[in-house]
Amino acid sequence: MSERTSMTILVTGATGNQGGAAARRLLADGWSVRALTRDPAGRAAHALAAAGAEIVAGDLDDRASLDAAVKGAYGVFSVQQGALGIQPVGFEEEVRRGRNVADAALAGGVEHLVYASVAGAERSAGVRAFESKWEIEKHILAIGIPATILRPASFMENFSDPAFGVQTGQLATAFASNVVEHSTSGTPHWTDSMAHCSPRPECCRTGPWSSFEARRRT
């Protein structure tokens, strides 16, 4: 058994876009994945199980289910629905869920937490959809768990959604031409897999994030 397969990574939101992409990438990179979902009987959960993931039922509002899910896990990938999701979630609800995951990870002895935030979270005053993520970041740092904060700015796959509608036939973004597409550290770590995951890799040009900042705290 390799070192990777002997270490379990719990992925929250595993049947969603970001969580699902994270789970698939970790599996592809040889990690043991425990996928948390509210619907273990659903199609997405079955697909992850077929790919080798352990499926566990849980809810980010149910601390007991999170405590059970993190038991024995080496790492946790934490992502929550927010105000800009397909099914919008309120500020307080998102913050509570993010804190629940972090607290459960700390109490369960998890060695490393990865949290998917948003670029410029610390400059988000007045942008309610981003302020929630900054609150979660601050909580993670305050409790002292070893953590990596990912700050994706945008996803290329957003532009494939008809809801974003390209009206003029030209694809334009607010990002300067020199914005970094993706970045990883020079030291192999399970968090590096997160810098190469994407809900639909075929939508990407040279990397999964249009831009992201990553901060690792050990």
N, C-alpha and C. Protein backbone atom coordinates (compact mmCIF):
# COMPACT_ATOMS: atom_id res chain seq x y z
N MET A 1 0.84 -1.20 0.00
CA MET A 1 0.00 0.00 0.00
C MET A 1 0.88 1.24 0.00
N SER A 2 0.61 2.17 -0.91
CA SER A 2 1.41 3.39 -0.99
C SER A 2 1.03 4.34 0.13
N GLU A 3 1.89 5.35 0.37
CA GLU A 3 1.61 6.34 1.40
C GLU A 3 0.31 7.07 1.09
N ARG A 4 0.07 7.34 -0.19
CA ARG A 4 -1.14 8.07 -0.56
C ARG A 4 -2.40 7.27 -0.27
N THR A 5 -2.41 6.01 -0.69
CA THR A 5 -3.62 5.22 -0.52
C THR A 5 -3.90 4.90 0.94
N SER A 6 -2.88 5.04 1.79
CA SER A 6 -3.09 4.79 3.22
C SER A 6 -3.62 6.02 3.93
N MET A 7 -3.68 7.16 3.24
CA MET A 7 -4.18 8.40 3.83
C MET A 7 -5.52 8.76 3.20
N THR A 8 -6.51 8.95 4.04
CA THR A 8 -7.86 9.26 3.56
C THR A 8 -8.09 10.77 3.55
N ILE A 9 -8.61 11.26 2.44
CA ILE A 9 -8.99 12.67 2.31
C ILE A 9 -10.52 12.75 2.25
N LEU A 10 -11.10 13.43 3.22
CA LEU A 10 -12.55 13.65 3.20
C LEU A 10 -12.85 14.85 2.31
N VAL A 11 -13.76 14.67 1.36
CA VAL A 11 -14.15 15.74 0.45
C VAL A 11 -15.60 16.10 0.71
N THR A 12 -15.84 17.35 1.11
CA THR A 12 -17.22 17.80 1.29
C THR A 12 -17.77 18.25 -0.07
N GLY A 13 -19.08 18.26 -0.19
CA GLY A 13 -19.67 18.65 -1.47
C GLY A 13 -19.21 17.77 -2.61
N ALA A 14 -18.96 16.51 -2.32
CA ALA A 14 -18.31 15.62 -3.28
C ALA A 14 -19.16 15.34 -4.52
N THR A 15 -20.46 15.55 -4.44
CA THR A 15 -21.31 15.33 -5.61
C THR A 15 -21.63 16.63 -6.33
N GLY A 16 -20.99 17.72 -5.91
CA GLY A 16 -21.15 19.00 -6.59
C GLY A 16 -20.03 19.25 -7.58
N ASN A 17 -19.93 20.48 -8.08
CA ASN A 17 -18.93 20.79 -9.09
C ASN A 17 -17.51 20.80 -8.53
N GLN A 18 -17.23 21.71 -7.59
CA GLN A 18 -15.87 21.77 -7.04
C GLN A 18 -15.50 20.52 -6.27
N GLY A 19 -16.39 20.09 -5.38
CA GLY A 19 -16.09 18.91 -4.58
C GLY A 19 -15.92 17.67 -5.44
N GLY A 20 -16.76 17.53 -6.45
CA GLY A 20 -16.64 16.38 -7.34
C GLY A 20 -15.34 16.39 -8.11
N ALA A 21 -14.94 17.57 -8.58
CA ALA A 21 -13.68 17.69 -9.30
C ALA A 21 -12.51 17.36 -8.39
N ALA A 22 -12.57 17.84 -7.14
CA ALA A 22 -11.51 17.55 -6.18
C ALA A 22 -11.42 16.05 -5.91
N ALA A 23 -12.57 15.41 -5.72
CA ALA A 23 -12.58 13.98 -5.44
C ALA A 23 -12.00 13.18 -6.61
N ARG A 24 -12.41 13.53 -7.82
CA ARG A 24 -11.92 12.79 -8.99
C ARG A 24 -10.42 12.98 -9.17
N ARG A 25 -9.93 14.20 -8.94
CA ARG A 25 -8.50 14.45 -9.10
C ARG A 25 -7.69 13.71 -8.04
N LEU A 26 -8.15 13.72 -6.82
CA LEU A 26 -7.46 13.00 -5.75
C LEU A 26 -7.41 11.51 -6.05
N LEU A 27 -8.52 10.96 -6.52
CA LEU A 27 -8.54 9.54 -6.89
C LEU A 27 -7.55 9.26 -8.01
N ALA A 28 -7.52 10.14 -9.01
CA ALA A 28 -6.61 9.96 -10.14
C ALA A 28 -5.16 10.03 -9.69
N ASP A 29 -4.90 10.81 -8.65
CA ASP A 29 -3.54 10.96 -8.14
C ASP A 29 -3.18 9.91 -7.11
N GLY A 30 -4.08 8.97 -6.87
CA GLY A 30 -3.76 7.84 -6.01
C GLY A 30 -4.12 7.98 -4.55
N TRP A 31 -4.90 9.00 -4.20
CA TRP A 31 -5.29 9.18 -2.81
C TRP A 31 -6.55 8.37 -2.49
N SER A 32 -6.71 8.02 -1.23
CA SER A 32 -7.93 7.38 -0.76
C SER A 32 -8.93 8.49 -0.45
N VAL A 33 -10.10 8.43 -1.07
CA VAL A 33 -11.08 9.51 -0.96
C VAL A 33 -12.34 9.04 -0.24
N ARG A 34 -12.76 9.84 0.72
CA ARG A 34 -14.04 9.64 1.40
C ARG A 34 -14.95 10.79 0.97
N ALA A 35 -16.00 10.48 0.27
CA ALA A 35 -16.87 11.50 -0.33
C ALA A 35 -18.11 11.72 0.53
N LEU A 36 -18.25 12.96 1.01
CA LEU A 36 -19.40 13.32 1.85
C LEU A 36 -20.54 13.85 0.97
N THR A 37 -21.72 13.30 1.17
CA THR A 37 -22.87 13.74 0.39
C THR A 37 -24.15 13.55 1.19
N ARG A 38 -25.14 14.39 0.92
CA ARG A 38 -26.45 14.21 1.55
C ARG A 38 -27.28 13.15 0.82
N ASP A 39 -26.81 12.76 -0.37
CA ASP A 39 -27.58 11.82 -1.19
C ASP A 39 -26.67 10.67 -1.65
N PRO A 40 -26.35 9.74 -0.75
CA PRO A 40 -25.45 8.64 -1.12
C PRO A 40 -26.04 7.70 -2.16
N ALA A 41 -27.34 7.78 -2.40
CA ALA A 41 -27.97 6.91 -3.39
C ALA A 41 -28.05 7.58 -4.76
N GLY A 42 -27.60 8.81 -4.87
CA GLY A 42 -27.70 9.54 -6.13
C GLY A 42 -26.71 9.09 -7.18
N ARG A 43 -26.94 9.55 -8.41
CA ARG A 43 -26.10 9.16 -9.55
C ARG A 43 -24.65 9.60 -9.37
N ALA A 44 -24.44 10.83 -8.90
CA ALA A 44 -23.08 11.33 -8.74
C ALA A 44 -22.32 10.52 -7.69
N ALA A 45 -23.01 10.15 -6.62
CA ALA A 45 -22.37 9.35 -5.58
C ALA A 45 -22.02 7.96 -6.12
N HIS A 46 -22.89 7.38 -6.90
CA HIS A 46 -22.62 6.07 -7.49
C HIS A 46 -21.41 6.14 -8.42
N ALA A 47 -21.29 7.23 -9.17
CA ALA A 47 -20.15 7.38 -10.08
C ALA A 47 -18.85 7.47 -9.29
N LEU A 48 -18.86 8.20 -8.19
CA LEU A 48 -17.65 8.30 -7.36
C LEU A 48 -17.31 6.96 -6.73
N ALA A 49 -18.33 6.24 -6.29
CA ALA A 49 -18.09 4.92 -5.71
C ALA A 49 -17.46 3.99 -6.74
N ALA A 50 -17.96 4.06 -7.98
CA ALA A 50 -17.41 3.23 -9.05
C ALA A 50 -15.96 3.59 -9.34
N ALA A 51 -15.60 4.85 -9.09
CA ALA A 51 -14.23 5.30 -9.33
C ALA A 51 -13.31 4.96 -8.16
N GLY A 52 -13.89 4.46 -7.07
CA GLY A 52 -13.07 4.02 -5.95
C GLY A 52 -13.23 4.80 -4.67
N ALA A 53 -14.13 5.77 -4.64
CA ALA A 53 -14.32 6.57 -3.43
C ALA A 53 -15.20 5.84 -2.42
N GLU A 54 -14.95 6.14 -1.15
CA GLU A 54 -15.82 5.68 -0.07
C GLU A 54 -16.92 6.73 0.09
N ILE A 55 -18.16 6.32 0.02
CA ILE A 55 -19.28 7.26 0.11
C ILE A 55 -19.84 7.26 1.53
N VAL A 56 -19.95 8.46 2.11
CA VAL A 56 -20.53 8.58 3.45
C VAL A 56 -21.63 9.64 3.43
N ALA A 57 -22.69 9.36 4.14
CA ALA A 57 -23.80 10.32 4.23
C ALA A 57 -23.49 11.34 5.31
N GLY A 58 -23.78 12.60 5.02
CA GLY A 58 -23.54 13.64 6.00
C GLY A 58 -24.13 14.95 5.56
N ASP A 59 -24.22 15.88 6.50
CA ASP A 59 -24.80 17.19 6.24
C ASP A 59 -23.95 18.22 6.97
N LEU A 60 -23.62 19.30 6.29
CA LEU A 60 -22.76 20.32 6.89
C LEU A 60 -23.44 21.04 8.05
N ASP A 61 -24.75 20.90 8.17
CA ASP A 61 -25.47 21.47 9.31
C ASP A 61 -25.56 20.49 10.48
N ASP A 62 -25.11 19.27 10.26
CA ASP A 62 -25.20 18.22 11.28
C ASP A 62 -23.79 17.90 11.77
N ARG A 63 -23.40 18.51 12.88
CA ARG A 63 -22.04 18.35 13.38
C ARG A 63 -21.71 16.89 13.69
N ALA A 64 -22.68 16.14 14.21
CA ALA A 64 -22.43 14.74 14.53
C ALA A 64 -22.04 13.94 13.29
N SER A 65 -22.70 14.23 12.17
CA SER A 65 -22.37 13.51 10.93
C SER A 65 -20.98 13.89 10.44
N LEU A 66 -20.57 15.14 10.67
CA LEU A 66 -19.23 15.57 10.28
C LEU A 66 -18.18 14.92 11.17
N ASP A 67 -18.46 14.84 12.46
CA ASP A 67 -17.51 14.19 13.38
C ASP A 67 -17.28 12.74 12.96
N ALA A 68 -18.34 12.07 12.55
CA ALA A 68 -18.21 10.68 12.11
C ALA A 68 -17.43 10.60 10.80
N ALA A 69 -17.69 11.55 9.90
CA ALA A 69 -17.05 11.52 8.58
C ALA A 69 -15.55 11.78 8.64
N VAL A 70 -15.10 12.62 9.57
CA VAL A 70 -13.67 12.96 9.63
C VAL A 70 -12.86 11.93 10.39
N LYS A 71 -13.52 11.00 11.05
CA LYS A 71 -12.80 10.03 11.86
C LYS A 71 -11.78 9.26 11.03
N GLY A 72 -10.52 9.35 11.42
CA GLY A 72 -9.47 8.63 10.72
C GLY A 72 -8.96 9.30 9.45
N ALA A 73 -9.53 10.46 9.10
CA ALA A 73 -9.10 11.15 7.88
C ALA A 73 -7.80 11.91 8.11
N TYR A 74 -6.94 11.89 7.11
CA TYR A 74 -5.69 12.65 7.16
C TYR A 74 -5.93 14.10 6.77
N GLY A 75 -6.76 14.31 5.75
CA GLY A 75 -7.02 15.66 5.25
C GLY A 75 -8.49 15.86 4.95
N VAL A 76 -8.88 17.13 4.83
CA VAL A 76 -10.26 17.48 4.48
C VAL A 76 -10.25 18.58 3.43
N PHE A 77 -11.04 18.39 2.38
CA PHE A 77 -11.27 19.45 1.39
C PHE A 77 -12.65 20.02 1.69
N SER A 78 -12.69 21.31 2.01
CA SER A 78 -13.93 21.95 2.44
C SER A 78 -14.41 22.97 1.43
N VAL A 79 -15.62 22.78 0.94
CA VAL A 79 -16.25 23.75 0.04
C VAL A 79 -17.73 23.79 0.38
N GLN A 80 -18.31 24.99 0.36
CA GLN A 80 -19.73 25.15 0.67
C GLN A 80 -20.42 25.96 -0.42
N GLN A 81 -21.69 25.70 -0.62
CA GLN A 81 -22.49 26.53 -1.51
C GLN A 81 -22.59 27.93 -0.91
N GLY A 82 -22.63 28.93 -1.78
CA GLY A 82 -22.74 30.31 -1.32
C GLY A 82 -23.86 31.04 -2.02
N ALA A 83 -23.82 32.34 -1.90
CA ALA A 83 -24.90 33.18 -2.44
C ALA A 83 -24.94 33.18 -3.96
N LEU A 84 -23.81 32.83 -4.61
CA LEU A 84 -23.76 32.86 -6.07
C LEU A 84 -23.97 31.49 -6.69
N GLY A 85 -24.33 30.50 -5.90
CA GLY A 85 -24.53 29.16 -6.43
C GLY A 85 -25.83 29.02 -7.19
N ILE A 86 -25.99 27.86 -7.83
CA ILE A 86 -27.23 27.57 -8.55
C ILE A 86 -28.40 27.57 -7.58
N GLN A 87 -28.14 27.06 -6.38
CA GLN A 87 -29.12 27.11 -5.30
C GLN A 87 -28.53 28.00 -4.21
N PRO A 88 -28.78 29.30 -4.26
CA PRO A 88 -28.13 30.25 -3.35
C PRO A 88 -28.33 29.90 -1.88
N VAL A 89 -27.27 30.13 -1.11
CA VAL A 89 -27.28 29.87 0.33
C VAL A 89 -27.02 31.19 1.04
N GLY A 90 -27.71 31.44 2.13
CA GLY A 90 -27.55 32.68 2.87
C GLY A 90 -26.21 32.82 3.55
N PHE A 91 -25.85 34.05 3.87
CA PHE A 91 -24.57 34.38 4.50
C PHE A 91 -24.34 33.57 5.77
N GLU A 92 -25.26 33.65 6.71
CA GLU A 92 -25.09 32.98 8.00
C GLU A 92 -25.00 31.47 7.83
N GLU A 93 -25.79 30.93 6.91
CA GLU A 93 -25.79 29.49 6.69
C GLU A 93 -24.45 29.03 6.14
N GLU A 94 -23.90 29.75 5.16
CA GLU A 94 -22.62 29.37 4.59
C GLU A 94 -21.51 29.44 5.64
N VAL A 95 -21.49 30.52 6.42
CA VAL A 95 -20.46 30.68 7.45
C VAL A 95 -20.57 29.56 8.48
N ARG A 96 -21.77 29.26 8.91
CA ARG A 96 -21.96 28.20 9.90
C ARG A 96 -21.45 26.86 9.38
N ARG A 97 -21.75 26.57 8.13
CA ARG A 97 -21.31 25.29 7.56
C ARG A 97 -19.79 25.22 7.44
N GLY A 98 -19.18 26.31 6.99
CA GLY A 98 -17.73 26.33 6.87
C GLY A 98 -17.04 26.16 8.21
N ARG A 99 -17.59 26.81 9.23
CA ARG A 99 -17.03 26.67 10.58
C ARG A 99 -17.23 25.26 11.11
N ASN A 100 -18.39 24.67 10.83
CA ASN A 100 -18.65 23.31 11.28
C ASN A 100 -17.61 22.33 10.74
N VAL A 101 -17.29 22.46 9.46
CA VAL A 101 -16.31 21.56 8.85
C VAL A 101 -14.94 21.75 9.51
N ALA A 102 -14.53 23.00 9.67
CA ALA A 102 -13.23 23.29 10.27
C ALA A 102 -13.16 22.77 11.70
N ASP A 103 -14.22 23.01 12.47
CA ASP A 103 -14.23 22.57 13.86
C ASP A 103 -14.20 21.05 13.97
N ALA A 104 -14.94 20.37 13.10
CA ALA A 104 -14.95 18.91 13.12
C ALA A 104 -13.58 18.37 12.73
N ALA A 105 -12.94 19.01 11.75
CA ALA A 105 -11.61 18.58 11.33
C ALA A 105 -10.61 18.72 12.47
N LEU A 106 -10.67 19.84 13.18
CA LEU A 106 -9.76 20.06 14.30
C LEU A 106 -10.01 19.05 15.41
N ALA A 107 -11.27 18.87 15.77
CA ALA A 107 -11.62 17.94 16.85
C ALA A 107 -11.26 16.50 16.49
N GLY A 108 -11.32 16.18 15.20
CA GLY A 108 -11.03 14.82 14.75
C GLY A 108 -9.56 14.54 14.52
N GLY A 109 -8.71 15.52 14.76
CA GLY A 109 -7.28 15.30 14.59
C GLY A 109 -6.80 15.30 13.15
N VAL A 110 -7.57 15.91 12.26
CA VAL A 110 -7.17 16.00 10.85
C VAL A 110 -5.86 16.79 10.74
N GLU A 111 -4.94 16.30 9.93
CA GLU A 111 -3.62 16.93 9.85
C GLU A 111 -3.56 18.12 8.90
N HIS A 112 -4.49 18.20 7.94
CA HIS A 112 -4.46 19.34 7.02
C HIS A 112 -5.84 19.56 6.42
N LEU A 113 -6.25 20.81 6.46
CA LEU A 113 -7.54 21.23 5.90
C LEU A 113 -7.30 22.12 4.69
N VAL A 114 -8.02 21.86 3.62
CA VAL A 114 -8.01 22.74 2.45
C VAL A 114 -9.39 23.38 2.35
N TYR A 115 -9.42 24.70 2.29
CA TYR A 115 -10.69 25.41 2.18
C TYR A 115 -10.73 26.19 0.87
N ALA A 116 -11.79 26.00 0.09
CA ALA A 116 -11.98 26.71 -1.17
C ALA A 116 -12.70 28.02 -0.89
N SER A 117 -11.98 29.13 -0.96
CA SER A 117 -12.50 30.46 -0.66
C SER A 117 -12.72 31.22 -1.96
N VAL A 118 -12.30 32.46 -2.02
CA VAL A 118 -12.45 33.28 -3.21
C VAL A 118 -11.31 34.29 -3.25
N ALA A 119 -10.86 34.65 -4.43
CA ALA A 119 -9.76 35.60 -4.57
C ALA A 119 -10.13 36.93 -3.93
N GLY A 120 -9.16 37.51 -3.21
CA GLY A 120 -9.38 38.81 -2.60
C GLY A 120 -10.35 38.78 -1.45
N ALA A 121 -10.47 37.65 -0.78
CA ALA A 121 -11.46 37.53 0.29
C ALA A 121 -11.28 38.60 1.36
N GLU A 122 -10.01 38.93 1.66
CA GLU A 122 -9.76 39.92 2.71
C GLU A 122 -10.12 41.33 2.28
N ARG A 123 -10.40 41.51 0.99
CA ARG A 123 -10.79 42.83 0.48
C ARG A 123 -12.27 42.84 0.10
N SER A 124 -13.05 41.98 0.72
CA SER A 124 -14.43 41.75 0.27
C SER A 124 -15.48 42.60 0.97
N ALA A 125 -15.06 43.59 1.75
CA ALA A 125 -16.03 44.41 2.48
C ALA A 125 -17.08 44.97 1.54
N GLY A 126 -18.34 44.73 1.86
CA GLY A 126 -19.43 45.22 1.04
C GLY A 126 -19.92 44.23 0.00
N VAL A 127 -19.15 43.15 -0.23
CA VAL A 127 -19.56 42.11 -1.18
C VAL A 127 -19.98 40.91 -0.33
N ARG A 128 -21.25 40.85 -0.03
CA ARG A 128 -21.75 39.87 0.94
C ARG A 128 -21.41 38.43 0.54
N ALA A 129 -21.46 38.14 -0.74
CA ALA A 129 -21.21 36.78 -1.21
C ALA A 129 -19.77 36.35 -0.96
N PHE A 130 -18.85 37.33 -0.84
CA PHE A 130 -17.45 37.03 -0.58
C PHE A 130 -17.11 37.19 0.90
N GLU A 131 -17.81 38.07 1.59
CA GLU A 131 -17.55 38.29 3.01
C GLU A 131 -17.72 37.00 3.81
N SER A 132 -18.66 36.17 3.39
CA SER A 132 -18.89 34.90 4.09
C SER A 132 -17.64 34.03 4.07
N LYS A 133 -16.97 34.01 2.94
CA LYS A 133 -15.77 33.20 2.81
C LYS A 133 -14.62 33.78 3.65
N TRP A 134 -14.54 35.09 3.74
CA TRP A 134 -13.53 35.72 4.58
C TRP A 134 -13.78 35.37 6.05
N GLU A 135 -15.04 35.33 6.46
CA GLU A 135 -15.36 34.94 7.83
C GLU A 135 -14.91 33.51 8.11
N ILE A 136 -15.10 32.63 7.15
CA ILE A 136 -14.68 31.24 7.32
C ILE A 136 -13.16 31.16 7.36
N GLU A 137 -12.48 31.90 6.49
CA GLU A 137 -11.02 31.93 6.51
C GLU A 137 -10.51 32.35 7.89
N LYS A 138 -11.07 33.42 8.42
CA LYS A 138 -10.62 33.93 9.72
C LYS A 138 -10.83 32.89 10.82
N HIS A 139 -11.92 32.17 10.74
CA HIS A 139 -12.19 31.13 11.74
C HIS A 139 -11.15 30.02 11.63
N ILE A 140 -10.84 29.60 10.43
CA ILE A 140 -9.85 28.54 10.23
C ILE A 140 -8.50 28.95 10.81
N LEU A 141 -8.10 30.17 10.53
CA LEU A 141 -6.81 30.66 11.05
C LEU A 141 -6.85 30.79 12.57
N ALA A 142 -8.00 31.18 13.12
CA ALA A 142 -8.12 31.40 14.56
C ALA A 142 -8.02 30.10 15.35
N ILE A 143 -8.56 29.01 14.82
CA ILE A 143 -8.55 27.76 15.58
C ILE A 143 -7.21 27.03 15.46
N GLY A 144 -6.39 27.44 14.50
CA GLY A 144 -5.02 26.95 14.44
C GLY A 144 -4.80 25.62 13.74
N ILE A 145 -5.78 25.13 13.00
CA ILE A 145 -5.58 23.88 12.28
C ILE A 145 -4.66 24.12 11.08
N PRO A 146 -3.69 23.22 10.80
CA PRO A 146 -2.88 23.36 9.59
C PRO A 146 -3.79 23.41 8.37
N ALA A 147 -3.63 24.43 7.55
CA ALA A 147 -4.61 24.63 6.47
C ALA A 147 -4.00 25.27 5.24
N THR A 148 -4.62 25.00 4.12
CA THR A 148 -4.34 25.69 2.87
C THR A 148 -5.63 26.38 2.44
N ILE A 149 -5.54 27.66 2.14
CA ILE A 149 -6.69 28.42 1.65
C ILE A 149 -6.53 28.61 0.15
N LEU A 150 -7.44 28.05 -0.63
CA LEU A 150 -7.44 28.26 -2.07
C LEU A 150 -8.37 29.44 -2.37
N ARG A 151 -7.92 30.33 -3.26
CA ARG A 151 -8.72 31.50 -3.59
C ARG A 151 -8.94 31.61 -5.10
N PRO A 152 -9.78 30.76 -5.65
CA PRO A 152 -10.06 30.86 -7.09
C PRO A 152 -10.80 32.15 -7.41
N ALA A 153 -10.43 32.77 -8.51
CA ALA A 153 -11.10 34.00 -8.93
C ALA A 153 -12.32 33.70 -9.79
N SER A 154 -12.19 32.71 -10.66
CA SER A 154 -13.29 32.37 -11.54
C SER A 154 -13.00 31.02 -12.16
N PHE A 155 -13.99 30.44 -12.78
CA PHE A 155 -13.83 29.15 -13.43
C PHE A 155 -14.12 29.29 -14.92
N MET A 156 -13.26 28.72 -15.74
CA MET A 156 -13.46 28.80 -17.18
C MET A 156 -14.80 28.18 -17.59
N GLU A 157 -15.22 27.12 -16.86
CA GLU A 157 -16.46 26.46 -17.23
C GLU A 157 -17.69 27.34 -17.05
N ASN A 158 -17.55 28.43 -16.29
CA ASN A 158 -18.67 29.36 -16.19
C ASN A 158 -19.11 29.87 -17.56
N PHE A 159 -18.14 30.02 -18.45
CA PHE A 159 -18.45 30.58 -19.76
C PHE A 159 -19.15 29.58 -20.68
N SER A 160 -19.18 28.31 -20.27
CA SER A 160 -19.89 27.32 -21.08
C SER A 160 -21.35 27.21 -20.67
N ASP A 161 -21.72 27.89 -19.60
CA ASP A 161 -23.09 27.87 -19.11
C ASP A 161 -23.91 28.90 -19.90
N PRO A 162 -25.00 28.46 -20.53
CA PRO A 162 -25.83 29.40 -21.31
C PRO A 162 -26.31 30.59 -20.49
N ALA A 163 -26.37 30.42 -19.16
CA ALA A 163 -26.84 31.53 -18.32
C ALA A 163 -25.90 32.72 -18.39
N PHE A 164 -24.63 32.46 -18.75
CA PHE A 164 -23.66 33.55 -18.84
C PHE A 164 -23.69 34.20 -20.22
N GLY A 165 -24.30 33.50 -21.19
CA GLY A 165 -24.53 33.98 -22.54
C GLY A 165 -23.51 34.91 -23.16
N VAL A 166 -22.74 34.43 -24.12
CA VAL A 166 -21.84 35.30 -24.86
C VAL A 166 -22.68 35.98 -25.94
N GLN A 167 -22.90 37.28 -25.80
CA GLN A 167 -23.83 38.01 -26.66
C GLN A 167 -23.19 38.51 -27.95
N THR A 168 -21.90 38.79 -27.91
CA THR A 168 -21.26 39.45 -29.06
C THR A 168 -20.41 38.52 -29.90
N GLY A 169 -20.25 37.28 -29.48
CA GLY A 169 -19.37 36.37 -30.21
C GLY A 169 -17.92 36.50 -29.77
N GLN A 170 -17.65 37.35 -28.81
CA GLN A 170 -16.30 37.51 -28.28
C GLN A 170 -16.30 37.19 -26.79
N LEU A 171 -15.29 36.41 -26.38
CA LEU A 171 -15.16 36.05 -24.97
C LEU A 171 -14.22 37.04 -24.30
N ALA A 172 -14.74 37.80 -23.36
CA ALA A 172 -13.93 38.80 -22.66
C ALA A 172 -14.04 38.58 -21.17
N THR A 173 -12.93 38.81 -20.46
CA THR A 173 -12.93 38.70 -19.01
C THR A 173 -12.33 39.95 -18.41
N ALA A 174 -12.45 40.06 -17.11
CA ALA A 174 -11.88 41.21 -16.40
C ALA A 174 -10.43 40.98 -16.02
N PHE A 175 -9.89 39.81 -16.37
CA PHE A 175 -8.53 39.49 -15.97
C PHE A 175 -7.51 40.01 -16.97
N ALA A 176 -6.43 40.57 -16.46
CA ALA A 176 -5.34 41.04 -17.31
C ALA A 176 -4.65 39.84 -17.96
N SER A 177 -3.98 40.08 -19.07
CA SER A 177 -3.36 39.00 -19.82
C SER A 177 -2.25 38.31 -19.04
N ASN A 178 -1.70 38.98 -18.03
CA ASN A 178 -0.60 38.38 -17.27
C ASN A 178 -1.04 37.70 -15.98
N VAL A 179 -2.35 37.51 -15.80
CA VAL A 179 -2.84 36.83 -14.61
C VAL A 179 -2.43 35.36 -14.66
N VAL A 180 -1.88 34.86 -13.56
CA VAL A 180 -1.40 33.48 -13.51
C VAL A 180 -2.57 32.52 -13.65
N GLU A 181 -2.40 31.52 -14.50
CA GLU A 181 -3.46 30.54 -14.72
C GLU A 181 -3.57 29.56 -13.56
N HIS A 182 -2.44 29.02 -13.12
CA HIS A 182 -2.45 28.12 -11.99
C HIS A 182 -1.05 28.06 -11.40
N SER A 183 -0.97 27.57 -10.17
CA SER A 183 0.31 27.52 -9.49
C SER A 183 0.28 26.43 -8.45
N THR A 184 1.41 25.74 -8.28
CA THR A 184 1.53 24.75 -7.21
C THR A 184 2.85 24.96 -6.52
N SER A 185 2.99 24.42 -5.33
CA SER A 185 4.25 24.54 -4.62
C SER A 185 5.26 23.56 -5.20
N GLY A 186 6.52 23.74 -4.85
CA GLY A 186 7.56 22.85 -5.34
C GLY A 186 7.62 21.56 -4.55
N THR A 187 6.95 21.47 -3.42
CA THR A 187 6.99 20.28 -2.58
C THR A 187 5.72 19.47 -2.77
N PRO A 188 5.84 18.17 -3.16
CA PRO A 188 4.65 17.35 -3.36
C PRO A 188 3.80 17.31 -2.10
N HIS A 189 2.52 17.48 -2.25
CA HIS A 189 1.60 17.50 -1.12
C HIS A 189 0.23 17.24 -1.68
N TRP A 190 -0.65 16.63 -0.88
CA TRP A 190 -1.97 16.31 -1.43
C TRP A 190 -2.72 17.56 -1.86
N THR A 191 -2.38 18.71 -1.26
CA THR A 191 -3.07 19.94 -1.65
C THR A 191 -2.72 20.36 -3.07
N ASP A 192 -1.59 19.89 -3.60
CA ASP A 192 -1.23 20.23 -4.97
C ASP A 192 -2.22 19.66 -5.97
N SER A 193 -2.86 18.55 -5.63
CA SER A 193 -3.88 17.99 -6.51
C SER A 193 -5.02 18.97 -6.71
N MET A 194 -5.29 19.78 -5.68
CA MET A 194 -6.39 20.73 -5.75
C MET A 194 -6.14 21.84 -6.76
N ALA A 195 -4.86 22.09 -7.07
CA ALA A 195 -4.54 23.15 -8.02
C ALA A 195 -4.68 22.68 -9.46
N HIS A 196 -5.04 21.41 -9.64
CA HIS A 196 -5.18 20.87 -10.99
C HIS A 196 -6.54 20.23 -11.23
N CYS A 197 -7.49 20.48 -10.34
CA CYS A 197 -8.81 19.89 -10.52
C CYS A 197 -9.75 20.90 -11.13
N SER A 198 -10.70 20.39 -11.87
CA SER A 198 -11.68 21.26 -12.52
C SER A 198 -12.97 20.49 -12.70
N PRO A 199 -14.11 21.14 -12.53
CA PRO A 199 -15.38 20.45 -12.78
C PRO A 199 -15.45 19.82 -14.16
N ARG A 200 -14.97 20.53 -15.18
CA ARG A 200 -14.93 19.97 -16.52
C ARG A 200 -13.62 20.43 -17.16
N PRO A 201 -12.56 19.61 -17.08
CA PRO A 201 -11.25 20.04 -17.56
C PRO A 201 -11.23 20.47 -19.02
N GLU A 202 -12.14 19.93 -19.83
CA GLU A 202 -12.11 20.28 -21.25
C GLU A 202 -12.44 21.75 -21.48
N CYS A 203 -13.00 22.41 -20.47
CA CYS A 203 -13.36 23.82 -20.62
C CYS A 203 -12.17 24.74 -20.37
N CYS A 204 -11.09 24.18 -19.90
CA CYS A 204 -9.97 25.01 -19.48
C CYS A 204 -8.97 25.21 -20.61
N ARG A 205 -8.29 26.33 -20.57
CA ARG A 205 -7.28 26.62 -21.58
C ARG A 205 -5.96 25.97 -21.18
N THR A 206 -5.31 26.48 -20.16
CA THR A 206 -4.04 25.90 -19.73
C THR A 206 -4.09 25.45 -18.29
N GLY A 207 -5.15 25.71 -17.60
CA GLY A 207 -5.23 25.31 -16.21
C GLY A 207 -6.65 25.40 -15.70
N PRO A 208 -6.90 24.78 -14.56
CA PRO A 208 -8.26 24.70 -14.04
C PRO A 208 -8.82 26.00 -13.51
N TRP A 209 -8.01 26.83 -12.89
CA TRP A 209 -8.49 28.09 -12.38
C TRP A 209 -8.17 29.19 -13.38
N SER A 210 -9.05 30.13 -13.59
CA SER A 210 -8.67 31.31 -14.35
C SER A 210 -7.57 32.03 -13.59
N SER A 211 -7.67 32.02 -12.28
CA SER A 211 -6.63 32.59 -11.42
C SER A 211 -6.91 32.14 -10.01
N PHE A 212 -5.87 31.88 -9.25
CA PHE A 212 -6.12 31.62 -7.85
C PHE A 212 -4.92 31.96 -7.01
N GLU A 213 -5.21 32.26 -5.75
CA GLU A 213 -4.18 32.46 -4.75
C GLU A 213 -4.23 31.25 -3.83
N ALA A 214 -3.09 30.78 -3.37
CA ALA A 214 -3.08 29.68 -2.42
C ALA A 214 -2.19 30.04 -1.25
N ARG A 215 -2.70 29.82 -0.06
CA ARG A 215 -1.92 30.08 1.14
C ARG A 215 -1.93 28.82 1.98
N ARG A 216 -0.76 28.29 2.27
CA ARG A 216 -0.66 27.06 3.06
C ARG A 216 -0.11 27.39 4.42
N ARG A 217 -0.78 26.93 5.43
CA ARG A 217 -0.32 27.12 6.81
C ARG A 217 -0.05 25.76 7.40
N THR A 218 1.17 25.51 7.86
CA THR A 218 1.53 24.21 8.42
C THR A 218 1.77 24.31 9.90
